[in-house]
PDB file of all heavy atoms in Angstrom:
ATOM      1  N   ASN A   1       7.970  -1.264  -8.504  1.00  0.00           N
ATOM      2  CA  ASN A   1       6.842  -1.542  -7.610  1.00  0.00           C
ATOM      3  C   ASN A   1       7.241  -2.500  -6.492  1.00  0.00           C
ATOM      4  O   ASN A   1       6.798  -2.353  -5.345  1.00  0.00           O
ATOM      5  CB  ASN A   1       5.674  -2.146  -8.399  1.00  0.00           C
ATOM      6  CG  ASN A   1       5.120  -1.210  -9.450  1.00  0.00           C
ATOM      7  OD1 ASN A   1       5.367  -0.006  -9.431  1.00  0.00           O
ATOM      8  ND2 ASN A   1       4.363  -1.757 -10.401  1.00  0.00           N
ATOM      9  N   SER A   2       8.089  -3.457  -6.826  1.00  0.00           N
ATOM     10  CA  SER A   2       8.540  -4.451  -5.842  1.00  0.00           C
ATOM     11  C   SER A   2       9.359  -3.795  -4.738  1.00  0.00           C
ATOM     12  O   SER A   2       9.220  -4.148  -3.554  1.00  0.00           O
ATOM     13  CB  SER A   2       9.371  -5.539  -6.520  1.00  0.00           C
ATOM     14  OG  SER A   2       8.649  -6.152  -7.562  1.00  0.00           O
ATOM     15  N   LEU A   3      10.212  -2.851  -5.117  1.00  0.00           N
ATOM     16  CA  LEU A   3      11.021  -2.160  -4.119  1.00  0.00           C
ATOM     17  C   LEU A   3      10.138  -1.346  -3.176  1.00  0.00           C
ATOM     18  O   LEU A   3      10.377  -1.293  -1.959  1.00  0.00           O
ATOM     19  CB  LEU A   3      12.042  -1.256  -4.806  1.00  0.00           C
ATOM     20  CG  LEU A   3      13.096  -1.973  -5.664  1.00  0.00           C
ATOM     21  CD1 LEU A   3      14.045  -0.960  -6.282  1.00  0.00           C
ATOM     22  CD2 LEU A   3      13.874  -2.995  -4.841  1.00  0.00           C
ATOM     23  N   ALA A   4       9.117  -0.692  -3.735  1.00  0.00           N
ATOM     24  CA  ALA A   4       8.184   0.063  -2.894  1.00  0.00           C
ATOM     25  C   ALA A   4       7.478  -0.872  -1.912  1.00  0.00           C
ATOM     26  O   ALA A   4       7.331  -0.544  -0.719  1.00  0.00           O
ATOM     27  CB  ALA A   4       7.172   0.801  -3.768  1.00  0.00           C
ATOM     28  N   GLU A   5       7.049  -2.035  -2.400  1.00  0.00           N
ATOM     29  CA  GLU A   5       6.380  -2.998  -1.522  1.00  0.00           C
ATOM     30  C   GLU A   5       7.328  -3.505  -0.440  1.00  0.00           C
ATOM     31  O   GLU A   5       6.924  -3.706   0.714  1.00  0.00           O
ATOM     32  CB  GLU A   5       5.848  -4.179  -2.341  1.00  0.00           C
ATOM     33  CG  GLU A   5       4.689  -3.845  -3.253  1.00  0.00           C
ATOM     34  CD  GLU A   5       3.482  -3.321  -2.489  1.00  0.00           C
ATOM     35  OE1 GLU A   5       3.193  -3.834  -1.383  1.00  0.00           O
ATOM     36  OE2 GLU A   5       2.831  -2.391  -2.996  1.00  0.00           O
ATOM     37  N   ALA A   6       8.595  -3.707  -0.788  1.00  0.00           N
ATOM     38  CA  ALA A   6       9.576  -4.182   0.191  1.00  0.00           C
ATOM     39  C   ALA A   6       9.753  -3.154   1.318  1.00  0.00           C
ATOM     40  O   ALA A   6       9.907  -3.519   2.490  1.00  0.00           O
ATOM     41  CB  ALA A   6      10.911  -4.460  -0.491  1.00  0.00           C
ATOM     42  N   ILE A   7       9.737  -1.876   0.971  1.00  0.00           N
ATOM     43  CA  ILE A   7       9.861  -0.827   1.988  1.00  0.00           C
ATOM     44  C   ILE A   7       8.655  -0.853   2.919  1.00  0.00           C
ATOM     45  O   ILE A   7       8.794  -0.764   4.150  1.00  0.00           O
ATOM     46  CB  ILE A   7      10.014   0.550   1.313  1.00  0.00           C
ATOM     47  CG1 ILE A   7      11.384   0.647   0.634  1.00  0.00           C
ATOM     48  CG2 ILE A   7       9.848   1.685   2.334  1.00  0.00           C
ATOM     49  CD1 ILE A   7      11.562   1.881  -0.232  1.00  0.00           C
ATOM     50  N   VAL A   8       7.459  -0.996   2.348  1.00  0.00           N
ATOM     51  CA  VAL A   8       6.238  -1.051   3.161  1.00  0.00           C
ATOM     52  C   VAL A   8       6.267  -2.270   4.081  1.00  0.00           C
ATOM     53  O   VAL A   8       5.955  -2.178   5.274  1.00  0.00           O
ATOM     54  CB  VAL A   8       4.987  -1.071   2.265  1.00  0.00           C
ATOM     55  CG1 VAL A   8       3.726  -1.293   3.100  1.00  0.00           C
ATOM     56  CG2 VAL A   8       4.871   0.230   1.475  1.00  0.00           C
ATOM     57  N   MET A   9       6.660  -3.421   3.533  1.00  0.00           N
ATOM     58  CA  MET A   9       6.730  -4.646   4.327  1.00  0.00           C
ATOM     59  C   MET A   9       7.723  -4.508   5.479  1.00  0.00           C
ATOM     60  O   MET A   9       7.439  -4.895   6.612  1.00  0.00           O
ATOM     61  CB  MET A   9       7.142  -5.827   3.439  1.00  0.00           C
ATOM     62  CG  MET A   9       6.088  -6.271   2.439  1.00  0.00           C
ATOM     63  SD  MET A   9       6.786  -7.395   1.186  1.00  0.00           S
ATOM     64  CE  MET A   9       7.505  -8.673   2.208  1.00  0.00           C
ATOM     65  N   THR A  10       8.876  -3.921   5.189  1.00  0.00           N
ATOM     66  CA  THR A  10       9.910  -3.776   6.207  1.00  0.00           C
ATOM     67  C   THR A  10       9.478  -2.781   7.280  1.00  0.00           C
ATOM     68  O   THR A  10       9.695  -3.007   8.480  1.00  0.00           O
ATOM     69  CB  THR A  10      11.232  -3.328   5.568  1.00  0.00           C
ATOM     70  OG1 THR A  10      11.578  -4.236   4.519  1.00  0.00           O
ATOM     71  CG2 THR A  10      12.348  -3.309   6.596  1.00  0.00           C
ATOM     72  N   ALA A  11       8.861  -1.682   6.865  1.00  0.00           N
ATOM     73  CA  ALA A  11       8.355  -0.712   7.847  1.00  0.00           C
ATOM     74  C   ALA A  11       7.339  -1.375   8.771  1.00  0.00           C
ATOM     75  O   ALA A  11       7.314  -1.096   9.982  1.00  0.00           O
ATOM     76  CB  ALA A  11       7.732   0.477   7.120  1.00  0.00           C
ATOM     77  N   GLY A  12       6.519  -2.260   8.225  1.00  0.00           N
ATOM     78  CA  GLY A  12       5.562  -2.986   9.050  1.00  0.00           C
ATOM     79  C   GLY A  12       6.248  -3.894  10.054  1.00  0.00           C
ATOM     80  O   GLY A  12       5.806  -4.017  11.205  1.00  0.00           O
ATOM     81  N   GLU A  13       7.364  -4.516   9.645  1.00  0.00           N
ATOM     82  CA  GLU A  13       8.119  -5.375  10.555  1.00  0.00           C
ATOM     83  C   GLU A  13       8.751  -4.565  11.686  1.00  0.00           C
ATOM     84  O   GLU A  13       8.784  -4.995  12.833  1.00  0.00           O
ATOM     85  CB  GLU A  13       9.212  -6.129   9.793  1.00  0.00           C
ATOM     86  CG  GLU A  13       8.714  -7.209   8.854  1.00  0.00           C
ATOM     87  CD  GLU A  13       8.238  -8.436   9.595  1.00  0.00           C
ATOM     88  OE1 GLU A  13       8.794  -8.741  10.664  1.00  0.00           O
ATOM     89  OE2 GLU A  13       7.311  -9.088   9.103  1.00  0.00           O
ATOM     90  N   ILE A  14       9.255  -3.383  11.353  1.00  0.00           N
ATOM     91  CA  ILE A  14       9.942  -2.555  12.352  1.00  0.00           C
ATOM     92  C   ILE A  14       8.930  -1.889  13.275  1.00  0.00           C
ATOM     93  O   ILE A  14       9.178  -1.710  14.473  1.00  0.00           O
ATOM     94  CB  ILE A  14      10.827  -1.492  11.663  1.00  0.00           C
ATOM     95  CG1 ILE A  14      11.815  -2.166  10.695  1.00  0.00           C
ATOM     96  CG2 ILE A  14      11.561  -0.643  12.689  1.00  0.00           C
ATOM     97  CD1 ILE A  14      12.691  -3.218  11.313  1.00  0.00           C
ATOM     98  N   GLY A  15       7.797  -1.445  12.704  1.00  0.00           N
ATOM     99  CA  GLY A  15       6.747  -0.867  13.530  1.00  0.00           C
ATOM    100  C   GLY A  15       6.887   0.598  13.845  1.00  0.00           C
ATOM    101  O   GLY A  15       6.299   1.079  14.815  1.00  0.00           O
ATOM    102  N   GLU A  16       7.637   1.345  13.024  1.00  0.00           N
ATOM    103  CA  GLU A  16       7.769   2.803  13.214  1.00  0.00           C
ATOM    104  C   GLU A  16       6.936   3.501  12.153  1.00  0.00           C
ATOM    105  O   GLU A  16       7.086   3.248  10.963  1.00  0.00           O
ATOM    106  CB  GLU A  16       9.240   3.216  13.105  1.00  0.00           C
ATOM    107  CG  GLU A  16       9.482   4.713  13.101  1.00  0.00           C
ATOM    108  CD  GLU A  16       8.897   5.403  14.317  1.00  0.00           C
ATOM    109  OE1 GLU A  16       9.191   4.960  15.455  1.00  0.00           O
ATOM    110  OE2 GLU A  16       8.139   6.370  14.121  1.00  0.00           O
ATOM    111  N   LYS A  17       6.062   4.416  12.607  1.00  0.00           N
ATOM    112  CA  LYS A  17       5.128   5.068  11.691  1.00  0.00           C
ATOM    113  C   LYS A  17       5.798   6.127  10.819  1.00  0.00           C
ATOM    114  O   LYS A  17       5.429   6.317   9.659  1.00  0.00           O
ATOM    115  CB  LYS A  17       3.976   5.715  12.481  1.00  0.00           C
ATOM    116  CG  LYS A  17       2.995   4.704  13.054  1.00  0.00           C
ATOM    117  CD  LYS A  17       2.274   3.948  11.943  1.00  0.00           C
ATOM    118  CE  LYS A  17       1.233   2.992  12.486  1.00  0.00           C
ATOM    119  NZ  LYS A  17       0.584   2.216  11.408  1.00  0.00           N
ATOM    120  N   LYS A  18       6.765   6.866  11.354  1.00  0.00           N
ATOM    121  CA  LYS A  18       7.434   7.916  10.578  1.00  0.00           C
ATOM    122  C   LYS A  18       8.551   7.287   9.746  1.00  0.00           C
ATOM    123  O   LYS A  18       9.533   6.796  10.290  1.00  0.00           O
ATOM    124  CB  LYS A  18       7.988   9.005  11.497  1.00  0.00           C
ATOM    125  CG  LYS A  18       6.920   9.848  12.173  1.00  0.00           C
ATOM    126  CD  LYS A  18       7.523  10.998  12.967  1.00  0.00           C
ATOM    127  CE  LYS A  18       8.240  10.510  14.205  1.00  0.00           C
ATOM    128  NZ  LYS A  18       8.682  11.636  15.073  1.00  0.00           N
ATOM    129  N   VAL A  19       8.381   7.302   8.423  1.00  0.00           N
ATOM    130  CA  VAL A  19       9.325   6.647   7.518  1.00  0.00           C
ATOM    131  C   VAL A  19       9.908   7.686   6.568  1.00  0.00           C
ATOM    132  O   VAL A  19       9.175   8.359   5.836  1.00  0.00           O
ATOM    133  CB  VAL A  19       8.641   5.524   6.706  1.00  0.00           C
ATOM    134  CG1 VAL A  19       9.651   4.827   5.804  1.00  0.00           C
ATOM    135  CG2 VAL A  19       7.967   4.520   7.635  1.00  0.00           C
ATOM    136  N   LEU A  20      11.240   7.839   6.582  1.00  0.00           N
ATOM    137  CA  LEU A  20      11.932   8.824   5.751  1.00  0.00           C
ATOM    138  C   LEU A  20      12.579   8.142   4.558  1.00  0.00           C
ATOM    139  O   LEU A  20      13.186   7.077   4.706  1.00  0.00           O
ATOM    140  CB  LEU A  20      13.029   9.538   6.559  1.00  0.00           C
ATOM    141  CG  LEU A  20      12.632  10.678   7.487  1.00  0.00           C
ATOM    142  CD1 LEU A  20      11.733  10.173   8.605  1.00  0.00           C
ATOM    143  CD2 LEU A  20      13.885  11.330   8.080  1.00  0.00           C
ATOM    144  N   LEU A  21      12.476   8.760   3.401  1.00  0.00           N
ATOM    145  CA  LEU A  21      13.100   8.246   2.181  1.00  0.00           C
ATOM    146  C   LEU A  21      14.247   9.168   1.803  1.00  0.00           C
ATOM    147  O   LEU A  21      14.037  10.348   1.507  1.00  0.00           O
ATOM    148  CB  LEU A  21      12.074   8.174   1.052  1.00  0.00           C
ATOM    149  CG  LEU A  21      10.768   7.436   1.376  1.00  0.00           C
ATOM    150  CD1 LEU A  21       9.821   7.484   0.178  1.00  0.00           C
ATOM    151  CD2 LEU A  21      11.028   5.995   1.805  1.00  0.00           C
ATOM    152  N   THR A  22      15.463   8.652   1.800  1.00  0.00           N
ATOM    153  CA  THR A  22      16.627   9.483   1.542  1.00  0.00           C
ATOM    154  C   THR A  22      17.709   8.686   0.821  1.00  0.00           C
ATOM    155  O   THR A  22      17.642   7.466   0.724  1.00  0.00           O
ATOM    156  CB  THR A  22      17.171  10.070   2.870  1.00  0.00           C
ATOM    157  OG1 THR A  22      18.218  11.006   2.600  1.00  0.00           O
ATOM    158  CG2 THR A  22      17.687   8.975   3.787  1.00  0.00           C
ATOM    159  N   GLY A  23      18.700   9.387   0.297  1.00  0.00           N
ATOM    160  CA  GLY A  23      19.753   8.749  -0.492  1.00  0.00           C
ATOM    161  C   GLY A  23      19.496   8.923  -1.978  1.00  0.00           C
ATOM    162  O   GLY A  23      18.372   9.208  -2.413  1.00  0.00           O
ATOM    163  N   GLY A  24      20.540   8.740  -2.766  1.00  0.00           N
ATOM    164  CA  GLY A  24      20.471   9.010  -4.197  1.00  0.00           C
ATOM    165  C   GLY A  24      19.401   8.250  -4.946  1.00  0.00           C
ATOM    166  O   GLY A  24      18.888   8.727  -5.964  1.00  0.00           O
ATOM    167  N   CYS A  25      19.030   7.045  -4.470  1.00  0.00           N
ATOM    168  CA  CYS A  25      17.997   6.268  -5.166  1.00  0.00           C
ATOM    169  C   CYS A  25      16.660   6.987  -5.174  1.00  0.00           C
ATOM    170  O   CYS A  25      15.825   6.749  -6.063  1.00  0.00           O
ATOM    171  CB  CYS A  25      17.838   4.889  -4.521  1.00  0.00           C
ATOM    172  SG  CYS A  25      19.205   3.760  -4.857  1.00  0.00           S
ATOM    173  N   PHE A  26      16.450   7.882  -4.212  1.00  0.00           N
ATOM    174  CA  PHE A  26      15.167   8.586  -4.156  1.00  0.00           C
ATOM    175  C   PHE A  26      15.187   9.895  -4.943  1.00  0.00           C
ATOM    176  O   PHE A  26      14.279  10.711  -4.814  1.00  0.00           O
ATOM    177  CB  PHE A  26      14.734   8.771  -2.705  1.00  0.00           C
ATOM    178  CG  PHE A  26      14.373   7.462  -2.061  1.00  0.00           C
ATOM    179  CD1 PHE A  26      15.239   6.859  -1.165  1.00  0.00           C
ATOM    180  CD2 PHE A  26      13.199   6.811  -2.396  1.00  0.00           C
ATOM    181  CE1 PHE A  26      14.932   5.630  -0.590  1.00  0.00           C
ATOM    182  CE2 PHE A  26      12.885   5.584  -1.838  1.00  0.00           C
ATOM    183  CZ  PHE A  26      13.744   4.983  -0.930  1.00  0.00           C
ATOM    184  N   GLN A  27      16.186  10.056  -5.800  1.00  0.00           N
ATOM    185  CA  GLN A  27      16.076  11.017  -6.894  1.00  0.00           C
ATOM    186  C   GLN A  27      15.150  10.457  -7.979  1.00  0.00           C
ATOM    187  O   GLN A  27      14.690  11.195  -8.842  1.00  0.00           O
ATOM    188  CB  GLN A  27      17.454  11.300  -7.507  1.00  0.00           C
ATOM    189  CG  GLN A  27      18.381  12.088  -6.603  1.00  0.00           C
ATOM    190  CD  GLN A  27      19.743  12.277  -7.251  1.00  0.00           C
ATOM    191  OE1 GLN A  27      20.555  11.350  -7.302  1.00  0.00           O
ATOM    192  NE2 GLN A  27      19.996  13.462  -7.759  1.00  0.00           N
ATOM    193  N   ASN A  28      14.922   9.165  -7.905  1.00  0.00           N
ATOM    194  CA  ASN A  28      14.048   8.455  -8.832  1.00  0.00           C
ATOM    195  C   ASN A  28      12.596   8.802  -8.484  1.00  0.00           C
ATOM    196  O   ASN A  28      12.073   8.362  -7.465  1.00  0.00           O
ATOM    197  CB  ASN A  28      14.308   6.946  -8.697  1.00  0.00           C
ATOM    198  CG  ASN A  28      13.496   6.104  -9.653  1.00  0.00           C
ATOM    199  OD1 ASN A  28      12.322   6.361  -9.880  1.00  0.00           O
ATOM    200  ND2 ASN A  28      14.122   5.056 -10.175  1.00  0.00           N
ATOM    201  N   ARG A  29      11.950   9.589  -9.323  1.00  0.00           N
ATOM    202  CA  ARG A  29      10.597  10.060  -9.025  1.00  0.00           C
ATOM    203  C   ARG A  29       9.599   8.912  -8.976  1.00  0.00           C
ATOM    204  O   ARG A  29       8.722   8.883  -8.110  1.00  0.00           O
ATOM    205  CB  ARG A  29      10.153  11.099 -10.061  1.00  0.00           C
ATOM    206  CG  ARG A  29       8.836  11.787  -9.676  1.00  0.00           C
ATOM    207  CD  ARG A  29       8.429  12.828 -10.685  1.00  0.00           C
ATOM    208  NE  ARG A  29       7.973  12.220 -11.942  1.00  0.00           N
ATOM    209  CZ  ARG A  29       7.469  12.910 -12.962  1.00  0.00           C
ATOM    210  NH1 ARG A  29       7.406  14.230 -12.905  1.00  0.00           N
ATOM    211  NH2 ARG A  29       7.068  12.292 -14.057  1.00  0.00           N
ATOM    212  N   TYR A  30       9.721   7.979  -9.918  1.00  0.00           N
ATOM    213  CA  TYR A  30       8.787   6.847  -9.946  1.00  0.00           C
ATOM    214  C   TYR A  30       8.848   6.095  -8.626  1.00  0.00           C
ATOM    215  O   TYR A  30       7.816   5.800  -8.007  1.00  0.00           O
ATOM    216  CB  TYR A  30       9.117   5.926 -11.120  1.00  0.00           C
ATOM    217  CG  TYR A  30       8.130   4.794 -11.322  1.00  0.00           C
ATOM    218  CD1 TYR A  30       7.184   4.856 -12.332  1.00  0.00           C
ATOM    219  CD2 TYR A  30       8.131   3.666 -10.497  1.00  0.00           C
ATOM    220  CE1 TYR A  30       6.257   3.819 -12.520  1.00  0.00           C
ATOM    221  CE2 TYR A  30       7.218   2.633 -10.663  1.00  0.00           C
ATOM    222  CZ  TYR A  30       6.290   2.718 -11.676  1.00  0.00           C
ATOM    223  OH  TYR A  30       5.378   1.699 -11.851  1.00  0.00           O
ATOM    224  N   LEU A  31      10.060   5.744  -8.179  1.00  0.00           N
ATOM    225  CA  LEU A  31      10.225   4.989  -6.942  1.00  0.00           C
ATOM    226  C   LEU A  31       9.706   5.780  -5.740  1.00  0.00           C
ATOM    227  O   LEU A  31       9.004   5.236  -4.885  1.00  0.00           O
ATOM    228  CB  LEU A  31      11.704   4.635  -6.732  1.00  0.00           C
ATOM    229  CG  LEU A  31      12.041   3.921  -5.417  1.00  0.00           C
ATOM    230  CD1 LEU A  31      11.371   2.555  -5.349  1.00  0.00           C
ATOM    231  CD2 LEU A  31      13.555   3.787  -5.253  1.00  0.00           C
ATOM    232  N   THR A  32      10.041   7.068  -5.682  1.00  0.00           N
ATOM    233  CA  THR A  32       9.629   7.886  -4.542  1.00  0.00           C
ATOM    234  C   THR A  32       8.113   8.021  -4.475  1.00  0.00           C
ATOM    235  O   THR A  32       7.500   7.806  -3.420  1.00  0.00           O
ATOM    236  CB  THR A  32      10.278   9.281  -4.619  1.00  0.00           C
ATOM    237  OG1 THR A  32      11.703   9.133  -4.640  1.00  0.00           O
ATOM    238  CG2 THR A  32       9.888  10.131  -3.422  1.00  0.00           C
ATOM    239  N   GLU A  33       7.486   8.363  -5.598  1.00  0.00           N
ATOM    240  CA  GLU A  33       6.040   8.559  -5.590  1.00  0.00           C
ATOM    241  C   GLU A  33       5.300   7.261  -5.293  1.00  0.00           C
ATOM    242  O   GLU A  33       4.312   7.251  -4.546  1.00  0.00           O
ATOM    243  CB  GLU A  33       5.588   9.140  -6.928  1.00  0.00           C
ATOM    244  CG  GLU A  33       6.050  10.583  -7.140  1.00  0.00           C
ATOM    245  CD  GLU A  33       5.597  11.156  -8.471  1.00  0.00           C
ATOM    246  OE1 GLU A  33       5.084  10.390  -9.315  1.00  0.00           O
ATOM    247  OE2 GLU A  33       5.758  12.374  -8.668  1.00  0.00           O
ATOM    248  N   LYS A  34       5.768   6.165  -5.867  1.00  0.00           N
ATOM    249  CA  LYS A  34       5.134   4.873  -5.623  1.00  0.00           C
ATOM    250  C   LYS A  34       5.253   4.481  -4.149  1.00  0.00           C
ATOM    251  O   LYS A  34       4.283   4.005  -3.533  1.00  0.00           O
ATOM    252  CB  LYS A  34       5.771   3.803  -6.503  1.00  0.00           C
ATOM    253  CG  LYS A  34       5.208   2.409  -6.339  1.00  0.00           C
ATOM    254  CD  LYS A  34       3.784   2.284  -6.839  1.00  0.00           C
ATOM    255  CE  LYS A  34       3.693   2.390  -8.335  1.00  0.00           C
ATOM    256  NZ  LYS A  34       2.338   2.080  -8.856  1.00  0.00           N
ATOM    257  N   THR A  35       6.443   4.692  -3.571  1.00  0.00           N
ATOM    258  CA  THR A  35       6.668   4.320  -2.176  1.00  0.00           C
ATOM    259  C   THR A  35       5.840   5.190  -1.231  1.00  0.00           C
ATOM    260  O   THR A  35       5.230   4.686  -0.282  1.00  0.00           O
ATOM    261  CB  THR A  35       8.161   4.432  -1.825  1.00  0.00           C
ATOM    262  OG1 THR A  35       8.925   3.640  -2.747  1.00  0.00           O
ATOM    263  CG2 THR A  35       8.426   3.934  -0.416  1.00  0.00           C
ATOM    264  N   VAL A  36       5.815   6.490  -1.488  1.00  0.00           N
ATOM    265  CA  VAL A  36       5.030   7.401  -0.645  1.00  0.00           C
ATOM    266  C   VAL A  36       3.553   7.019  -0.676  1.00  0.00           C
ATOM    267  O   VAL A  36       2.883   6.942   0.369  1.00  0.00           O
ATOM    268  CB  VAL A  36       5.221   8.865  -1.103  1.00  0.00           C
ATOM    269  CG1 VAL A  36       4.182   9.785  -0.452  1.00  0.00           C
ATOM    270  CG2 VAL A  36       6.628   9.348  -0.762  1.00  0.00           C
ATOM    271  N   ALA A  37       3.030   6.743  -1.862  1.00  0.00           N
ATOM    272  CA  ALA A  37       1.618   6.377  -1.989  1.00  0.00           C
ATOM    273  C   ALA A  37       1.310   5.079  -1.243  1.00  0.00           C
ATOM    274  O   ALA A  37       0.284   4.970  -0.545  1.00  0.00           O
ATOM    275  CB  ALA A  37       1.245   6.239  -3.464  1.00  0.00           C
ATOM    276  N   ARG A  38       2.198   4.096  -1.362  1.00  0.00           N
ATOM    277  CA  ARG A  38       1.962   2.817  -0.691  1.00  0.00           C
ATOM    278  C   ARG A  38       2.079   2.957   0.834  1.00  0.00           C
ATOM    279  O   ARG A  38       1.302   2.357   1.579  1.00  0.00           O
ATOM    280  CB  ARG A  38       2.957   1.766  -1.209  1.00  0.00           C
ATOM    281  CG  ARG A  38       2.644   1.271  -2.597  1.00  0.00           C
ATOM    282  CD  ARG A  38       1.339   0.445  -2.622  1.00  0.00           C
ATOM    283  NE  ARG A  38       1.475  -0.757  -1.812  1.00  0.00           N
ATOM    284  CZ  ARG A  38       0.750  -1.026  -0.726  1.00  0.00           C
ATOM    285  NH1 ARG A  38      -0.178  -0.184  -0.301  1.00  0.00           N
ATOM    286  NH2 ARG A  38       0.949  -2.144  -0.043  1.00  0.00           N
ATOM    287  N   LEU A  39       3.042   3.746   1.297  1.00  0.00           N
ATOM    288  CA  LEU A  39       3.182   3.965   2.742  1.00  0.00           C
ATOM    289  C   LEU A  39       1.949   4.666   3.301  1.00  0.00           C
ATOM    290  O   LEU A  39       1.419   4.286   4.351  1.00  0.00           O
ATOM    291  CB  LEU A  39       4.442   4.781   3.036  1.00  0.00           C
ATOM    292  CG  LEU A  39       5.780   4.038   2.901  1.00  0.00           C
ATOM    293  CD1 LEU A  39       6.937   5.030   2.922  1.00  0.00           C
ATOM    294  CD2 LEU A  39       5.951   2.997   4.012  1.00  0.00           C
ATOM    295  N   GLN A  40       1.486   5.695   2.605  1.00  0.00           N
ATOM    296  CA  GLN A  40       0.283   6.396   3.048  1.00  0.00           C
ATOM    297  C   GLN A  40      -0.914   5.453   3.064  1.00  0.00           C
ATOM    298  O   GLN A  40      -1.723   5.486   3.996  1.00  0.00           O
ATOM    299  CB  GLN A  40       0.008   7.587   2.132  1.00  0.00           C
ATOM    300  CG  GLN A  40       0.991   8.737   2.308  1.00  0.00           C
ATOM    301  CD  GLN A  40       0.775   9.842   1.294  1.00  0.00           C
ATOM    302  OE1 GLN A  40       0.250   9.616   0.201  1.00  0.00           O
ATOM    303  NE2 GLN A  40       1.199  11.057   1.643  1.00  0.00           N
ATOM    304  N   GLY A  41      -1.017   4.608   2.057  1.00  0.00           N
ATOM    305  CA  GLY A  41      -2.123   3.669   1.979  1.00  0.00           C
ATOM    306  C   GLY A  41      -2.150   2.664   3.114  1.00  0.00           C
ATOM    307  O   GLY A  41      -3.211   2.143   3.475  1.00  0.00           O
ATOM    308  N   GLU A  42      -0.970   2.408   3.701  1.00  0.00           N
ATOM    309  CA  GLU A  42      -0.872   1.447   4.803  1.00  0.00           C
ATOM    310  C   GLU A  42      -0.820   2.130   6.167  1.00  0.00           C
ATOM    311  O   GLU A  42      -0.549   1.474   7.178  1.00  0.00           O
ATOM    312  CB  GLU A  42       0.360   0.555   4.614  1.00  0.00           C
ATOM    313  CG  GLU A  42       0.298  -0.338   3.387  1.00  0.00           C
ATOM    314  CD  GLU A  42      -0.860  -1.330   3.437  1.00  0.00           C
ATOM    315  OE1 GLU A  42      -1.155  -1.843   4.544  1.00  0.00           O
ATOM    316  OE2 GLU A  42      -1.488  -1.575   2.386  1.00  0.00           O
ATOM    317  N   GLY A  43      -1.056   3.438   6.197  1.00  0.00           N
ATOM    318  CA  GLY A  43      -1.152   4.144   7.472  1.00  0.00           C
ATOM    319  C   GLY A  43       0.150   4.678   8.028  1.00  0.00           C
ATOM    320  O   GLY A  43       0.190   5.119   9.197  1.00  0.00           O
ATOM    321  N   PHE A  44       1.216   4.675   7.239  1.00  0.00           N
ATOM    322  CA  PHE A  44       2.483   5.242   7.693  1.00  0.00           C
ATOM    323  C   PHE A  44       2.532   6.737   7.381  1.00  0.00           C
ATOM    324  O   PHE A  44       1.709   7.257   6.620  1.00  0.00           O
ATOM    325  CB  PHE A  44       3.657   4.530   7.010  1.00  0.00           C
ATOM    326  CG  PHE A  44       3.815   3.097   7.412  1.00  0.00           C
ATOM    327  CD1 PHE A  44       3.275   2.080   6.642  1.00  0.00           C
ATOM    328  CD2 PHE A  44       4.492   2.756   8.569  1.00  0.00           C
ATOM    329  CE1 PHE A  44       3.399   0.749   7.010  1.00  0.00           C
ATOM    330  CE2 PHE A  44       4.632   1.437   8.952  1.00  0.00           C
ATOM    331  CZ  PHE A  44       4.076   0.424   8.172  1.00  0.00           C
ATOM    332  N   GLU A  45       3.500   7.423   7.965  1.00  0.00           N
ATOM    333  CA  GLU A  45       3.718   8.843   7.697  1.00  0.00           C
ATOM    334  C   GLU A  45       5.024   8.980   6.913  1.00  0.00           C
ATOM    335  O   GLU A  45       6.101   9.032   7.498  1.00  0.00           O
ATOM    336  CB  GLU A  45       3.816   9.633   8.995  1.00  0.00           C
ATOM    337  CG  GLU A  45       2.591   9.553   9.894  1.00  0.00           C
ATOM    338  CD  GLU A  45       2.839  10.205  11.239  1.00  0.00           C
ATOM    339  OE1 GLU A  45       3.672  11.137  11.305  1.00  0.00           O
ATOM    340  OE2 GLU A  45       2.220   9.762  12.228  1.00  0.00           O
TER     341      GLU A  45
END
């Protein structure tokens, strides 16, 4: 959950709405689904 929050926080700092999740760590379904849900909740794509 912390890693997902860190991605959301960093995306907010950068200010780009389109956020792509890639690399071997995103074979992790829990991390991917949690991050996607949090990004959507904060208005990112």
